[in-house]
């Protein structure tokens, strides 16, 4: 490396305080004769480190990402004219103003809304399970990576902003910490460029080259999301890139491509948002974009007291409209709640219609919305339509968060996993020996008792073959599971889901074994000995490995 070359050159020249020449043996008359001085070899310029090899691509379908708000840190105010602390806030960390106030049901802003909408004030979910945090701490993001990867999230889609004040990426503490995280190999990440006409968020003409170079550097990270070797870059809002016209945004994309090519990297796949440029649909279609996506799948903005049911019902027509308007593949989005009333603390004088919120959001309705998105995905053939980005991991101010919270835990995250990846597999024990055990996706009540729960895939994967798992019943009315469609000659009750044939790159998979007793009872276990060592008197037999599942 350049560093080693420099050190060696210093030693050759007598580094460490030694003389450049050494005395020789006496010659003839005893005079000390110095040998010729040999110049140190020239020091080569520092060698740039090679681009790190990317992590293995994720080949499972669909790929599930979540938008990540990376500014829960003092950087939230670095480029804004805000007087801190916010008056009337109880927030321990100033960047959580509003969120913590509404969670604690106190303060001027909360009281304003409690008077206006007394039946709708429940913000008991507005605190992360891990507490209010500072994203400058990489260990926080490491915990997020563990939570999300366990929930089958494939990538974080970081909002990417530019700071005119610093002439560098802004509001980027979460992204910086992700790139430093010791466990980042568990996930991938992408960036979603947001450069709109907000004075804090646009990219002036003179900053365009630097911004393009910064993006290329980020995309070169080995954990960056790639498909077919090409990085996936979201340009969600380009209306603040220079004049925001299609030609300017296209030039910006070209600069990114050139910067990547300099490092031997392929051109990115560009997924544009509806606000990618200030232009007509006909102009946008001519831009170098591979697909279109969204943040919130609806054709109009959310208003105060909006109807979440109507939003869910309109999801299929929204995607149909995108396809009709642009004729490009659609990489769909999905959205949890929006309720930005905690932002009221920044503007107590604002009227009740100034802040967006759904009046009737529930987790079950979110699940119905996810199902609508997944059903639409299954009708598409474009590869990029297999990617979905969900709003959001941690939009605590605006109400969109899958990050586990202290009220609901990981409920919303489990609904995402259930929709795009898994179904619940329950192991029950009957109340009598004759009933034995039953493994099923159905919820059962007495006389059945739940013993254990796993999650299995809900779909086949064409690239990573999965093993179907069937529920069966023998002639003695005992239940068992089998990987054979004919249930080994017994009655087939239906398919339960799919088991991974190996552990692949999916985080957290564990083995599942079929077990049997001399009585004819069958059950399943995560242990290779089917727990025989702990109950030797039962003569438990391990029938074999069924496949791999997720622990619940």
Protein backbone atom coordinates (compact mmCIF):
# COMPACT_ATOMS: atom_id res chain seq x y z
CA UNK A 1 0.00 0.00 0.00
CA UNK A 2 1.02 3.63 -0.27
CA UNK A 3 1.41 3.84 3.49
CA UNK A 4 3.91 0.98 3.60
CA UNK A 5 5.86 2.37 0.64
CA UNK A 6 6.21 5.72 2.38
CA UNK A 7 7.47 4.12 5.59
CA UNK A 8 10.03 2.00 3.73
CA UNK A 9 11.31 5.02 1.85
CA UNK A 10 11.82 6.85 5.12
CA UNK A 11 13.88 3.99 6.50
CA UNK A 12 16.04 3.88 3.37
CA UNK A 13 16.88 7.52 3.84
CA UNK A 14 17.99 7.05 7.45
CA UNK A 15 14.59 7.61 9.07
CA UNK A 16 14.40 7.49 12.85
CA UNK A 17 17.24 10.04 13.29
CA UNK A 18 20.14 8.05 11.75
CA UNK A 19 22.71 9.58 9.37
CA UNK A 20 22.26 9.39 5.60
CA UNK A 21 25.86 8.08 5.30
CA UNK A 22 27.70 5.56 7.43
CA UNK A 23 31.48 5.68 8.13
CA UNK A 24 33.58 3.09 6.26
CA UNK A 25 36.63 1.14 7.37
CA UNK A 26 39.85 3.15 7.42
CA UNK A 27 41.63 3.31 4.01
CA UNK A 28 45.41 3.25 3.73
CA UNK A 29 46.51 6.41 5.53
CA UNK A 30 43.60 6.08 7.93
CA UNK A 31 41.30 8.70 6.37
CA UNK A 32 37.58 8.15 6.76
CA UNK A 33 36.07 8.03 3.27
CA UNK A 34 32.31 8.32 2.84
CA UNK A 35 30.70 6.15 0.16
CA UNK A 36 28.53 7.79 -2.49
CA UNK A 37 25.14 8.89 -1.22
CA UNK A 38 22.36 6.79 -2.68
CA UNK A 39 19.13 8.77 -3.04
CA UNK A 40 15.95 7.27 -1.62
CA UNK A 41 13.57 6.01 -4.29
CA UNK A 42 10.77 8.43 -5.12
CA UNK A 43 7.64 7.97 -3.04
CA UNK A 44 4.73 7.03 -5.29
CA UNK A 45 1.44 8.85 -4.80
CA UNK A 46 -0.98 7.19 -2.39
CA UNK A 47 -2.89 4.34 -3.94
CA UNK A 48 -6.68 4.56 -3.64
CA UNK A 49 -8.06 1.49 -1.90
CA UNK A 50 -9.80 -0.89 -4.26
CA UNK A 51 -13.57 -0.84 -4.34
CA UNK A 52 -14.77 -3.40 -1.83
CA UNK A 53 -16.43 -6.43 -3.34
CA UNK A 54 -20.21 -6.20 -2.93
CA UNK A 55 -21.97 -8.57 -0.60
CA UNK A 56 -23.89 -11.40 -2.30
CA UNK A 57 -27.01 -10.24 -4.06
CA UNK A 58 -30.37 -10.96 -2.53
CA UNK A 59 -32.22 -13.16 -4.99
CA UNK A 60 -35.40 -13.91 -3.08
CA UNK A 61 -38.69 -12.40 -4.15
CA UNK A 62 -40.13 -10.03 -3.33
CA UNK A 63 -37.43 -7.73 -1.97
CA UNK A 64 -38.84 -5.71 0.91
CA UNK A 65 -37.40 -2.36 1.90
CA UNK A 66 -38.43 0.36 4.33
CA UNK A 67 -37.81 4.08 4.08
CA UNK A 68 -35.46 5.19 6.83
CA UNK A 69 -35.41 8.68 8.36
CA UNK A 70 -31.80 9.10 9.37
CA UNK A 71 -31.99 12.37 11.27
CA UNK A 72 -32.92 11.56 14.85
CA UNK A 73 -29.90 13.52 16.01
CA UNK A 74 -28.80 17.15 16.44
CA UNK A 75 -28.31 17.30 12.66
CA UNK A 76 -32.07 17.70 12.38
CA UNK A 77 -31.54 21.38 13.15
CA UNK A 78 -28.09 21.99 11.70
CA UNK A 79 -29.31 23.56 8.47
CA UNK A 80 -32.50 25.12 9.79
CA UNK A 81 -33.20 28.33 11.64
CA UNK A 82 -34.80 26.90 14.77
CA UNK A 83 -34.49 28.22 18.27
CA UNK A 84 -33.74 25.45 20.71
CA UNK A 85 -35.07 24.28 23.00
CA UNK A 86 -38.59 24.36 21.59
CA UNK A 87 -40.81 26.18 24.12
CA UNK A 88 -43.23 24.02 26.06
CA UNK A 89 -41.46 20.76 25.13
CA UNK A 90 -40.54 18.13 27.67
CA UNK A 91 -38.33 16.19 25.25
CA UNK A 92 -35.09 15.07 26.88
CA UNK A 93 -33.40 15.04 23.48
CA UNK A 94 -34.35 18.17 21.56
CA UNK A 95 -34.77 16.41 18.20
CA UNK A 96 -37.64 14.34 19.64
CA UNK A 97 -39.75 17.42 20.36
CA UNK A 98 -43.42 16.72 19.76
CA UNK A 99 -43.00 12.95 19.69
CA UNK A 100 -42.17 12.63 23.36
CA UNK A 101 -44.65 15.38 24.31
CA UNK A 102 -47.56 13.62 22.65
CA UNK A 103 -46.47 10.28 24.08
CA UNK A 104 -46.49 11.78 27.58
CA UNK A 105 -49.79 13.63 26.95
CA UNK A 106 -48.51 16.96 28.10
CA UNK A 107 -47.42 20.33 26.79
CA UNK A 108 -49.11 23.13 24.90
CA UNK A 109 -49.19 21.39 21.52
CA UNK A 110 -50.73 18.24 22.88
CA UNK A 111 -53.36 20.19 24.79
CA UNK A 112 -54.35 22.05 21.63
CA UNK A 113 -55.09 18.80 19.82
CA UNK A 114 -56.69 17.15 22.83
CA UNK A 115 -59.24 19.96 22.81
CA UNK A 116 -59.79 19.81 19.04
CA UNK A 117 -60.07 16.03 18.61
CA UNK A 118 -60.64 14.50 22.05
CA UNK A 119 -61.62 11.06 20.72
CA UNK A 120 -58.56 10.66 18.52
CA UNK A 121 -55.72 11.43 20.90
CA UNK A 122 -53.84 8.19 21.50
CA UNK A 123 -50.12 8.45 20.95
CA UNK A 124 -49.11 5.70 23.36
CA UNK A 125 -47.19 4.06 20.50
CA UNK A 126 -44.90 7.06 19.95
CA UNK A 127 -41.90 5.67 21.75
CA UNK A 128 -39.44 3.18 20.26
CA UNK A 129 -38.88 -0.07 22.12
CA UNK A 130 -35.24 0.91 22.52
CA UNK A 131 -36.15 4.38 23.82
CA UNK A 132 -35.52 7.79 22.27
CA UNK A 133 -32.13 7.71 20.60
CA UNK A 134 -29.32 9.52 18.83
CA UNK A 135 -28.46 8.11 15.40
CA UNK A 136 -24.88 9.30 15.68
CA UNK A 137 -24.47 6.19 17.82
CA UNK A 138 -23.82 3.26 15.46
CA UNK A 139 -25.01 0.80 18.11
CA UNK A 140 -28.54 2.20 17.69
CA UNK A 141 -28.52 1.38 13.99
CA UNK A 142 -27.05 -2.03 14.76
CA UNK A 143 -30.12 -2.71 16.90
CA UNK A 144 -32.34 -1.50 14.05
CA UNK A 145 -30.56 -3.89 11.69
CA UNK A 146 -31.19 -6.78 14.06
CA UNK A 147 -34.86 -5.87 14.44
CA UNK A 148 -35.48 -5.36 10.74
CA UNK A 149 -33.56 -8.38 9.47
CA UNK A 150 -35.36 -10.61 11.96
CA UNK A 151 -38.59 -9.21 10.52
CA UNK A 152 -37.53 -10.18 6.97
CA UNK A 153 -36.79 -6.61 5.86
CA UNK A 154 -34.20 -6.82 3.09
CA UNK A 155 -32.99 -3.23 2.89
CA UNK A 156 -33.24 0.21 4.45
CA UNK A 157 -34.06 2.90 1.89
CA UNK A 158 -32.43 6.00 3.37
CA UNK A 159 -33.77 9.44 2.54
CA UNK A 160 -30.81 11.26 1.00
CA UNK A 161 -30.60 15.05 1.30
CA UNK A 162 -28.03 17.64 0.28
CA UNK A 163 -26.82 20.39 2.62
CA UNK A 164 -26.10 23.65 0.81
CA UNK A 165 -24.66 25.04 4.03
CA UNK A 166 -22.04 22.31 4.31
CA UNK A 167 -21.68 21.50 0.60
CA UNK A 168 -22.06 17.85 1.56
CA UNK A 169 -24.78 15.26 2.22
CA UNK A 170 -27.05 16.53 4.97
CA UNK A 171 -29.14 14.92 7.68
CA UNK A 172 -27.07 11.77 7.18
CA UNK A 173 -26.24 10.51 10.67
CA UNK A 174 -28.34 7.34 10.30
CA UNK A 175 -26.74 6.48 6.97
CA UNK A 176 -23.26 7.11 8.33
CA UNK A 177 -23.94 4.85 11.30
CA UNK A 178 -25.34 2.11 9.06
CA UNK A 179 -22.15 2.15 6.97
CA UNK A 180 -20.12 1.81 10.19
CA UNK A 181 -22.34 -0.87 11.72
CA UNK A 182 -20.60 -4.12 12.61
CA UNK A 183 -23.62 -6.17 11.49
CA UNK A 184 -24.55 -4.37 8.28
CA UNK A 185 -23.96 -7.54 6.26
CA UNK A 186 -27.33 -8.75 7.56
CA UNK A 187 -29.08 -6.25 5.30
CA UNK A 188 -28.61 -4.11 2.23
CA UNK A 189 -29.31 -0.42 1.88
CA UNK A 190 -30.33 1.97 -0.85
CA UNK A 191 -30.69 5.74 -0.97
CA UNK A 192 -33.68 7.72 -2.11
CA UNK A 193 -32.72 11.21 -3.30
CA UNK A 194 -34.99 14.00 -2.10
CA UNK A 195 -34.09 17.36 -3.60
CA UNK A 196 -37.20 19.50 -3.80
CA UNK A 197 -37.81 23.25 -3.85
CA UNK A 198 -37.48 23.56 -0.08
CA UNK A 199 -34.60 26.01 0.49
CA UNK A 200 -33.01 23.51 2.89
CA UNK A 201 -33.22 20.55 0.53
CA UNK A 202 -32.38 21.62 -3.00
CA UNK A 203 -29.10 21.09 -4.88
CA UNK A 204 -27.94 24.32 -6.59
CA UNK A 205 -26.22 24.13 -9.97
CA UNK A 206 -22.79 24.74 -8.50
CA UNK A 207 -23.17 21.79 -6.10
CA UNK A 208 -24.38 19.24 -8.65
CA UNK A 209 -20.91 17.72 -9.40
CA UNK A 210 -20.08 17.33 -5.70
CA UNK A 211 -23.49 15.83 -4.94
CA UNK A 212 -23.16 13.33 -7.78
CA UNK A 213 -19.69 12.30 -6.56
CA UNK A 214 -20.98 11.84 -2.99
CA UNK A 215 -23.78 9.61 -4.21
CA UNK A 216 -21.38 7.52 -6.28
CA UNK A 217 -19.20 7.03 -3.18
CA UNK A 218 -22.19 5.83 -1.18
CA UNK A 219 -23.36 3.47 -3.90
CA UNK A 220 -19.90 1.85 -3.94
CA UNK A 221 -20.45 0.52 -0.40
CA UNK A 222 -20.40 -3.32 -0.45
CA UNK A 223 -23.73 -3.43 1.41
CA UNK A 224 -25.50 -1.36 -1.22
CA UNK A 225 -28.55 -2.96 -2.85
CA UNK A 226 -27.78 -4.47 -6.26
CA UNK A 227 -29.83 -6.36 -8.82
CA UNK A 228 -28.01 -8.16 -11.61
CA UNK A 229 -24.81 -6.48 -10.46
CA UNK A 230 -26.26 -2.98 -10.86
CA UNK A 231 -26.90 -0.71 -7.87
CA UNK A 232 -30.49 0.43 -7.37
CA UNK A 233 -30.77 4.21 -7.00
CA UNK A 234 -34.04 5.95 -6.15
CA UNK A 235 -34.44 9.51 -7.46
CA UNK A 236 -37.67 10.19 -5.64
CA UNK A 237 -37.71 13.98 -5.96
CA UNK A 238 -35.43 15.81 -8.37
CA UNK A 239 -37.37 19.04 -8.71
CA UNK A 240 -34.75 20.84 -6.63
CA UNK A 241 -31.75 19.61 -8.64
CA UNK A 242 -30.78 22.85 -10.36
CA UNK A 243 -33.90 24.04 -12.17
CA UNK A 244 -35.40 20.58 -11.80
CA UNK A 245 -36.09 20.21 -15.50
CA UNK A 246 -35.73 16.75 -17.11
CA UNK A 247 -32.52 17.71 -18.92
CA UNK A 248 -30.88 18.90 -15.68
CA UNK A 249 -31.89 15.83 -13.71
CA UNK A 250 -30.74 13.61 -16.59
CA UNK A 251 -27.34 15.35 -16.53
CA UNK A 252 -27.17 14.71 -12.78
CA UNK A 253 -27.83 11.00 -13.34
CA UNK A 254 -25.18 10.95 -16.07
CA UNK A 255 -22.59 12.43 -13.70
CA UNK A 256 -23.35 9.66 -11.20
CA UNK A 257 -22.96 7.05 -13.93
CA UNK A 258 -19.59 8.50 -14.97
CA UNK A 259 -18.34 8.59 -11.38
CA UNK A 260 -19.28 4.94 -10.92
CA UNK A 261 -17.70 3.97 -14.24
CA UNK A 262 -14.43 5.55 -13.13
CA UNK A 263 -14.34 2.98 -10.35
CA UNK A 264 -15.28 0.14 -12.66
CA UNK A 265 -18.87 -0.05 -11.49
CA UNK A 266 -21.90 -0.51 -13.75
CA UNK A 267 -24.55 2.13 -14.29
CA UNK A 268 -27.26 2.16 -11.63
CA UNK A 269 -30.83 1.08 -12.12
CA UNK A 270 -32.80 4.30 -11.70
CA UNK A 271 -36.15 4.17 -9.94
CA UNK A 272 -37.86 7.53 -10.20
CA UNK A 273 -40.58 9.05 -8.09
CA UNK A 274 -43.52 11.00 -9.43
CA UNK A 275 -41.56 14.16 -8.60
CA UNK A 276 -38.38 13.14 -10.38
CA UNK A 277 -38.45 16.32 -12.47
CA UNK A 278 -40.45 19.42 -13.34
CA UNK A 279 -41.87 18.12 -16.57
CA UNK A 280 -44.77 16.48 -18.28
CA UNK A 281 -45.30 12.75 -18.26
CA UNK A 282 -44.13 12.63 -21.88
CA UNK A 283 -40.85 14.33 -20.90
CA UNK A 284 -40.28 12.14 -17.86
CA UNK A 285 -40.78 8.97 -19.89
CA UNK A 286 -37.81 10.03 -22.05
CA UNK A 287 -35.50 10.24 -19.04
CA UNK A 288 -33.03 7.39 -18.29
CA UNK A 289 -35.22 5.72 -15.66
CA UNK A 290 -35.85 2.00 -15.38
CA UNK A 291 -38.95 2.07 -13.20
CA UNK A 292 -41.17 4.36 -11.16
CA UNK A 293 -42.02 4.17 -7.49
CA UNK A 294 -43.69 6.21 -4.78
CA UNK A 295 -43.67 7.05 -1.10
CA UNK A 296 -47.40 6.76 -0.51
CA UNK A 297 -49.56 4.94 -3.09
CA UNK A 298 -52.31 7.49 -3.57
CA UNK A 299 -52.94 10.12 -6.24
CA UNK A 300 -53.71 12.96 -3.82
CA UNK A 301 -52.11 14.14 -0.62
CA UNK A 302 -53.29 13.09 2.81
CA UNK A 303 -55.47 15.68 4.51
CA UNK A 304 -56.54 16.23 8.11
CA UNK A 305 -58.94 13.50 9.23
CA UNK A 306 -58.44 11.44 6.08
CA UNK A 307 -59.98 8.00 5.46
CA UNK A 308 -57.52 5.09 5.54
CA UNK A 309 -60.18 2.69 4.22
CA UNK A 310 -60.53 4.76 1.06
CA UNK A 311 -56.76 4.85 0.69
CA UNK A 312 -56.51 1.03 0.84
CA UNK A 313 -59.36 0.62 -1.65
CA UNK A 314 -57.61 2.93 -4.12
CA UNK A 315 -54.22 1.17 -4.18
CA UNK A 316 -54.86 -1.02 -7.30
CA UNK A 317 -56.17 1.90 -9.34
CA UNK A 318 -53.18 4.02 -8.30
CA UNK A 319 -50.74 1.52 -9.78
CA UNK A 320 -52.88 1.08 -12.87
CA UNK A 321 -52.73 4.83 -13.35
CA UNK A 322 -48.95 4.91 -13.06
CA UNK A 323 -48.58 2.18 -15.67
CA UNK A 324 -51.01 3.94 -17.99
CA UNK A 325 -49.39 7.36 -17.60
CA UNK A 326 -45.73 6.43 -17.86
CA UNK A 327 -45.60 3.02 -19.49
CA UNK A 328 -42.68 2.07 -17.24
CA UNK A 329 -42.43 -0.78 -14.72
CA UNK A 330 -43.59 0.16 -11.24
CA UNK A 331 -41.60 -0.76 -8.13
CA UNK A 332 -44.49 -0.43 -5.69
CA UNK A 333 -44.62 1.26 -2.33
CA UNK A 334 -46.82 0.66 0.70
CA UNK A 335 -47.61 2.92 3.61
CA UNK A 336 -48.38 2.60 7.26
CA UNK A 337 -50.05 5.41 9.14
CA UNK A 338 -49.65 9.13 8.63
CA UNK A 339 -50.39 11.28 11.65
CA UNK A 340 -48.13 14.30 11.91
CA UNK A 341 -50.00 16.07 14.71
CA UNK A 342 -46.90 15.92 16.95
CA UNK A 343 -45.39 18.42 14.48
CA UNK A 344 -47.94 20.88 15.85
CA UNK A 345 -45.38 21.78 18.50
CA UNK A 346 -43.48 23.70 15.82
CA UNK A 347 -46.48 25.85 14.96
CA UNK A 348 -49.03 26.22 17.72
CA UNK A 349 -50.85 28.90 15.75
CA UNK A 350 -51.63 26.56 12.84
CA UNK A 351 -55.27 25.66 12.28
CA UNK A 352 -56.63 22.14 12.73
CA UNK A 353 -56.37 21.41 8.99
CA UNK A 354 -52.68 22.26 8.77
CA UNK A 355 -51.46 18.78 9.69
CA UNK A 356 -52.10 15.51 7.90
CA UNK A 357 -53.50 12.47 9.65
CA UNK A 358 -55.70 9.47 9.08
CA UNK A 359 -58.68 9.37 11.41
CA UNK A 360 -59.23 5.62 11.27
CA UNK A 361 -55.91 3.81 10.86
CA UNK A 362 -55.60 0.38 12.51
CA UNK A 363 -52.93 -2.33 12.17
CA UNK A 364 -55.48 -4.64 10.52
CA UNK A 365 -56.24 -2.03 7.85
CA UNK A 366 -52.51 -1.67 7.26
CA UNK A 367 -52.41 -5.44 6.71
CA UNK A 368 -55.21 -5.14 4.14
CA UNK A 369 -53.21 -2.45 2.36
CA UNK A 370 -50.13 -4.68 2.28
CA UNK A 371 -52.25 -7.49 0.85
CA UNK A 372 -53.48 -5.16 -1.90
CA UNK A 373 -49.90 -4.26 -2.81
CA UNK A 374 -48.78 -7.89 -2.83
CA UNK A 375 -51.77 -8.96 -4.93
CA UNK A 376 -50.91 -6.29 -7.48
CA UNK A 377 -47.27 -7.38 -7.52
CA UNK A 378 -48.32 -10.90 -8.51
CA UNK A 379 -49.91 -9.54 -11.69
CA UNK A 380 -46.66 -7.99 -12.90
CA UNK A 381 -43.82 -9.54 -14.87
CA UNK A 382 -41.16 -6.79 -14.67
CA UNK A 383 -38.26 -7.72 -12.38
CA UNK A 384 -38.23 -4.32 -10.67
CA UNK A 385 -41.87 -4.78 -9.67
CA UNK A 386 -40.61 -7.41 -7.23
CA UNK A 387 -39.15 -4.59 -5.09
CA UNK A 388 -41.39 -2.87 -2.57
CA UNK A 389 -40.46 0.06 -0.31
CA UNK A 390 -42.66 0.66 2.71
CA UNK A 391 -43.25 3.95 4.46
CA UNK A 392 -41.52 3.85 6.92
CA UNK A 393 -39.12 2.46 9.50
CA UNK A 394 -38.95 5.43 11.85
CA UNK A 395 -41.02 8.44 10.76
CA UNK A 396 -41.99 9.05 14.37
CA UNK A 397 -43.00 12.65 13.76
CA UNK A 398 -45.28 11.76 10.86
CA UNK A 399 -46.71 8.52 12.25
CA UNK A 400 -45.23 6.05 9.76
CA UNK A 401 -43.10 3.55 11.68
CA UNK A 402 -42.55 -0.19 11.55
CA UNK A 403 -39.81 0.07 14.16
CA UNK A 404 -41.05 -1.79 17.26
CA UNK A 405 -42.70 0.52 19.78
CA UNK A 406 -43.47 0.07 23.45
CA UNK A 407 -47.23 -0.32 22.95
CA UNK A 408 -47.51 -2.66 19.96
CA UNK A 409 -44.04 -4.24 19.90
CA UNK A 410 -43.23 -5.59 16.45
CA UNK A 411 -46.87 -6.01 15.38
CA UNK A 412 -46.62 -3.96 12.18
CA UNK A 413 -43.30 -5.59 11.30
CA UNK A 414 -44.90 -9.01 11.71
CA UNK A 415 -47.73 -7.99 9.37
CA UNK A 416 -45.17 -7.06 6.72
CA UNK A 417 -43.41 -10.38 7.19
CA UNK A 418 -46.69 -12.27 7.04
CA UNK A 419 -47.68 -10.54 3.79
CA UNK A 420 -44.45 -10.67 1.86
CA UNK A 421 -42.67 -13.62 3.41
CA UNK A 422 -44.36 -15.88 5.93
CA UNK A 423 -47.41 -17.37 7.58
CA UNK A 424 -47.74 -18.51 11.19
CA UNK A 425 -47.22 -22.23 11.85
CA UNK A 426 -48.54 -23.39 15.21
CA UNK A 427 -47.87 -26.62 17.08
CA UNK A 428 -50.73 -27.71 19.34
CA UNK A 429 -51.13 -30.57 21.83
CA UNK A 430 -54.50 -32.22 22.33
CA UNK A 431 -56.04 -32.67 25.76
CA UNK A 432 -55.81 -36.47 25.49
CA UNK A 433 -53.14 -38.89 24.38
CA UNK A 434 -55.45 -40.12 21.64
CA UNK A 435 -55.66 -36.62 20.13
CA UNK A 436 -51.89 -36.32 19.90
CA UNK A 437 -50.48 -33.20 18.27
CA UNK A 438 -51.50 -30.98 15.38
CA UNK A 439 -49.35 -28.61 13.34
CA UNK A 440 -51.42 -26.09 11.41
CA UNK A 441 -51.74 -22.46 10.34
CA UNK A 442 -55.22 -22.32 11.83
CA UNK A 443 -55.84 -20.80 15.27
CA UNK A 444 -57.22 -23.54 17.51
CA UNK A 445 -58.91 -23.32 20.89
CA UNK A 446 -59.68 -25.88 23.63
CA UNK A 447 -59.26 -28.80 23.78
CA UNK A 448 -56.06 -27.85 21.90
CA UNK A 449 -53.20 -26.10 23.71
CA UNK A 450 -50.61 -24.05 21.85
CA UNK A 451 -47.07 -25.36 22.47
CA UNK A 452 -44.86 -23.59 19.94
CA UNK A 453 -44.97 -21.22 16.97
CA UNK A 454 -42.81 -20.73 13.89
CA UNK A 455 -43.19 -18.86 10.62
CA UNK A 456 -42.96 -20.46 7.18
CA UNK A 457 -42.75 -18.89 3.73
CA UNK A 458 -46.08 -18.18 2.10
CA UNK A 459 -44.84 -18.40 -1.52
CA UNK A 460 -42.54 -20.43 -3.70
CA UNK A 461 -39.29 -18.88 -4.89
CA UNK A 462 -38.15 -19.66 -8.42
CA UNK A 463 -34.47 -19.06 -7.65
CA UNK A 464 -34.21 -20.61 -4.20
CA UNK A 465 -36.38 -23.69 -4.32
CA UNK A 466 -38.65 -24.13 -1.33
CA UNK A 467 -40.29 -27.31 -0.10
CA UNK A 468 -44.09 -27.34 0.24
CA UNK A 469 -45.40 -28.48 3.60
CA UNK A 470 -48.78 -30.21 3.77
CA UNK A 471 -51.16 -30.92 6.61
CA UNK A 472 -52.38 -34.52 6.64
CA UNK A 473 -54.65 -36.83 8.66
CA UNK A 474 -54.30 -40.59 8.93
CA UNK A 475 -57.02 -43.22 9.27
CA UNK A 476 -56.86 -42.97 13.06
CA UNK A 477 -57.74 -39.25 12.83
CA UNK A 478 -54.26 -38.27 13.90
CA UNK A 479 -52.72 -35.20 12.28
CA UNK A 480 -49.21 -34.95 10.85
CA UNK A 481 -47.26 -32.91 8.34
CA UNK A 482 -45.47 -34.08 5.23
CA UNK A 483 -43.47 -32.66 2.36
CA UNK A 484 -45.29 -35.01 -0.03
CA UNK A 485 -48.41 -33.77 -1.78
CA UNK A 486 -50.03 -37.21 -1.44
CA UNK A 487 -49.52 -37.11 2.36
CA UNK A 488 -47.85 -40.51 2.10
CA UNK A 489 -51.17 -42.14 1.26
CA UNK A 490 -53.21 -40.38 3.96
CA UNK A 491 -55.81 -37.63 3.61
CA UNK A 492 -54.38 -34.30 2.45
CA UNK A 493 -55.93 -31.31 4.27
CA UNK A 494 -54.07 -28.62 2.35
CA UNK A 495 -50.77 -26.84 1.96
CA UNK A 496 -49.48 -24.98 5.00
CA UNK A 497 -46.69 -23.02 3.35
CA UNK A 498 -43.13 -23.47 2.12
CA UNK A 499 -39.93 -24.44 3.91
CA UNK A 500 -36.51 -23.24 2.90
CA UNK A 501 -34.40 -26.13 1.65
CA UNK A 502 -31.29 -24.41 3.03
CA UNK A 503 -30.39 -21.37 5.08
CA UNK A 504 -29.23 -19.24 2.08
CA UNK A 505 -28.82 -15.54 2.79
CA UNK A 506 -32.03 -15.23 4.78
CA UNK A 507 -31.28 -14.15 8.32
CA UNK A 508 -32.53 -16.20 11.25
CA UNK A 509 -33.70 -19.45 9.64
CA UNK A 510 -33.73 -22.48 11.94
CA UNK A 511 -34.23 -26.21 11.17
CA UNK A 512 -37.55 -27.98 11.65
CA UNK A 513 -37.72 -31.77 12.17
CA UNK A 514 -40.62 -34.19 12.01
CA UNK A 515 -40.90 -36.46 15.02
CA UNK A 516 -43.01 -39.46 15.99
CA UNK A 517 -44.00 -41.59 18.98
CA UNK A 518 -44.72 -45.33 19.10
CA UNK A 519 -48.40 -44.46 19.59
CA UNK A 520 -48.53 -43.00 16.08
CA UNK A 521 -48.51 -39.39 17.25
CA UNK A 522 -46.50 -37.02 15.06
CA UNK A 523 -45.25 -33.54 15.87
CA UNK A 524 -42.45 -31.17 14.89
CA UNK A 525 -39.45 -29.80 16.77
CA UNK A 526 -36.59 -27.42 16.27
CA UNK A 527 -34.20 -29.90 17.87
CA UNK A 528 -32.52 -32.66 15.88
CA UNK A 529 -33.26 -35.26 18.57
CA UNK A 530 -36.91 -34.17 18.81
CA UNK A 531 -36.33 -33.56 22.53
CA UNK A 532 -35.70 -37.27 23.11
CA UNK A 533 -32.80 -36.55 25.45
CA UNK A 534 -35.08 -34.69 27.83
CA UNK A 535 -37.80 -37.37 27.75
CA UNK A 536 -36.12 -40.76 27.12
CA UNK A 537 -39.10 -42.75 28.44
CA UNK A 538 -41.25 -41.67 25.49
CA UNK A 539 -39.05 -43.38 22.85
CA UNK A 540 -39.27 -40.36 20.53
CA UNK A 541 -38.06 -40.94 16.98
CA UNK A 542 -36.71 -38.31 14.61
CA UNK A 543 -38.29 -38.93 11.20
CA UNK A 544 -36.01 -36.42 9.48
CA UNK A 545 -35.35 -32.79 8.60
CA UNK A 546 -38.33 -31.11 6.95
CA UNK A 547 -36.60 -27.83 6.07
CA UNK A 548 -35.88 -24.40 7.53
CA UNK A 549 -38.31 -21.93 9.10
CA UNK A 550 -38.30 -18.66 11.02
CA UNK A 551 -38.63 -18.67 14.80
CA UNK A 552 -41.64 -16.67 15.91
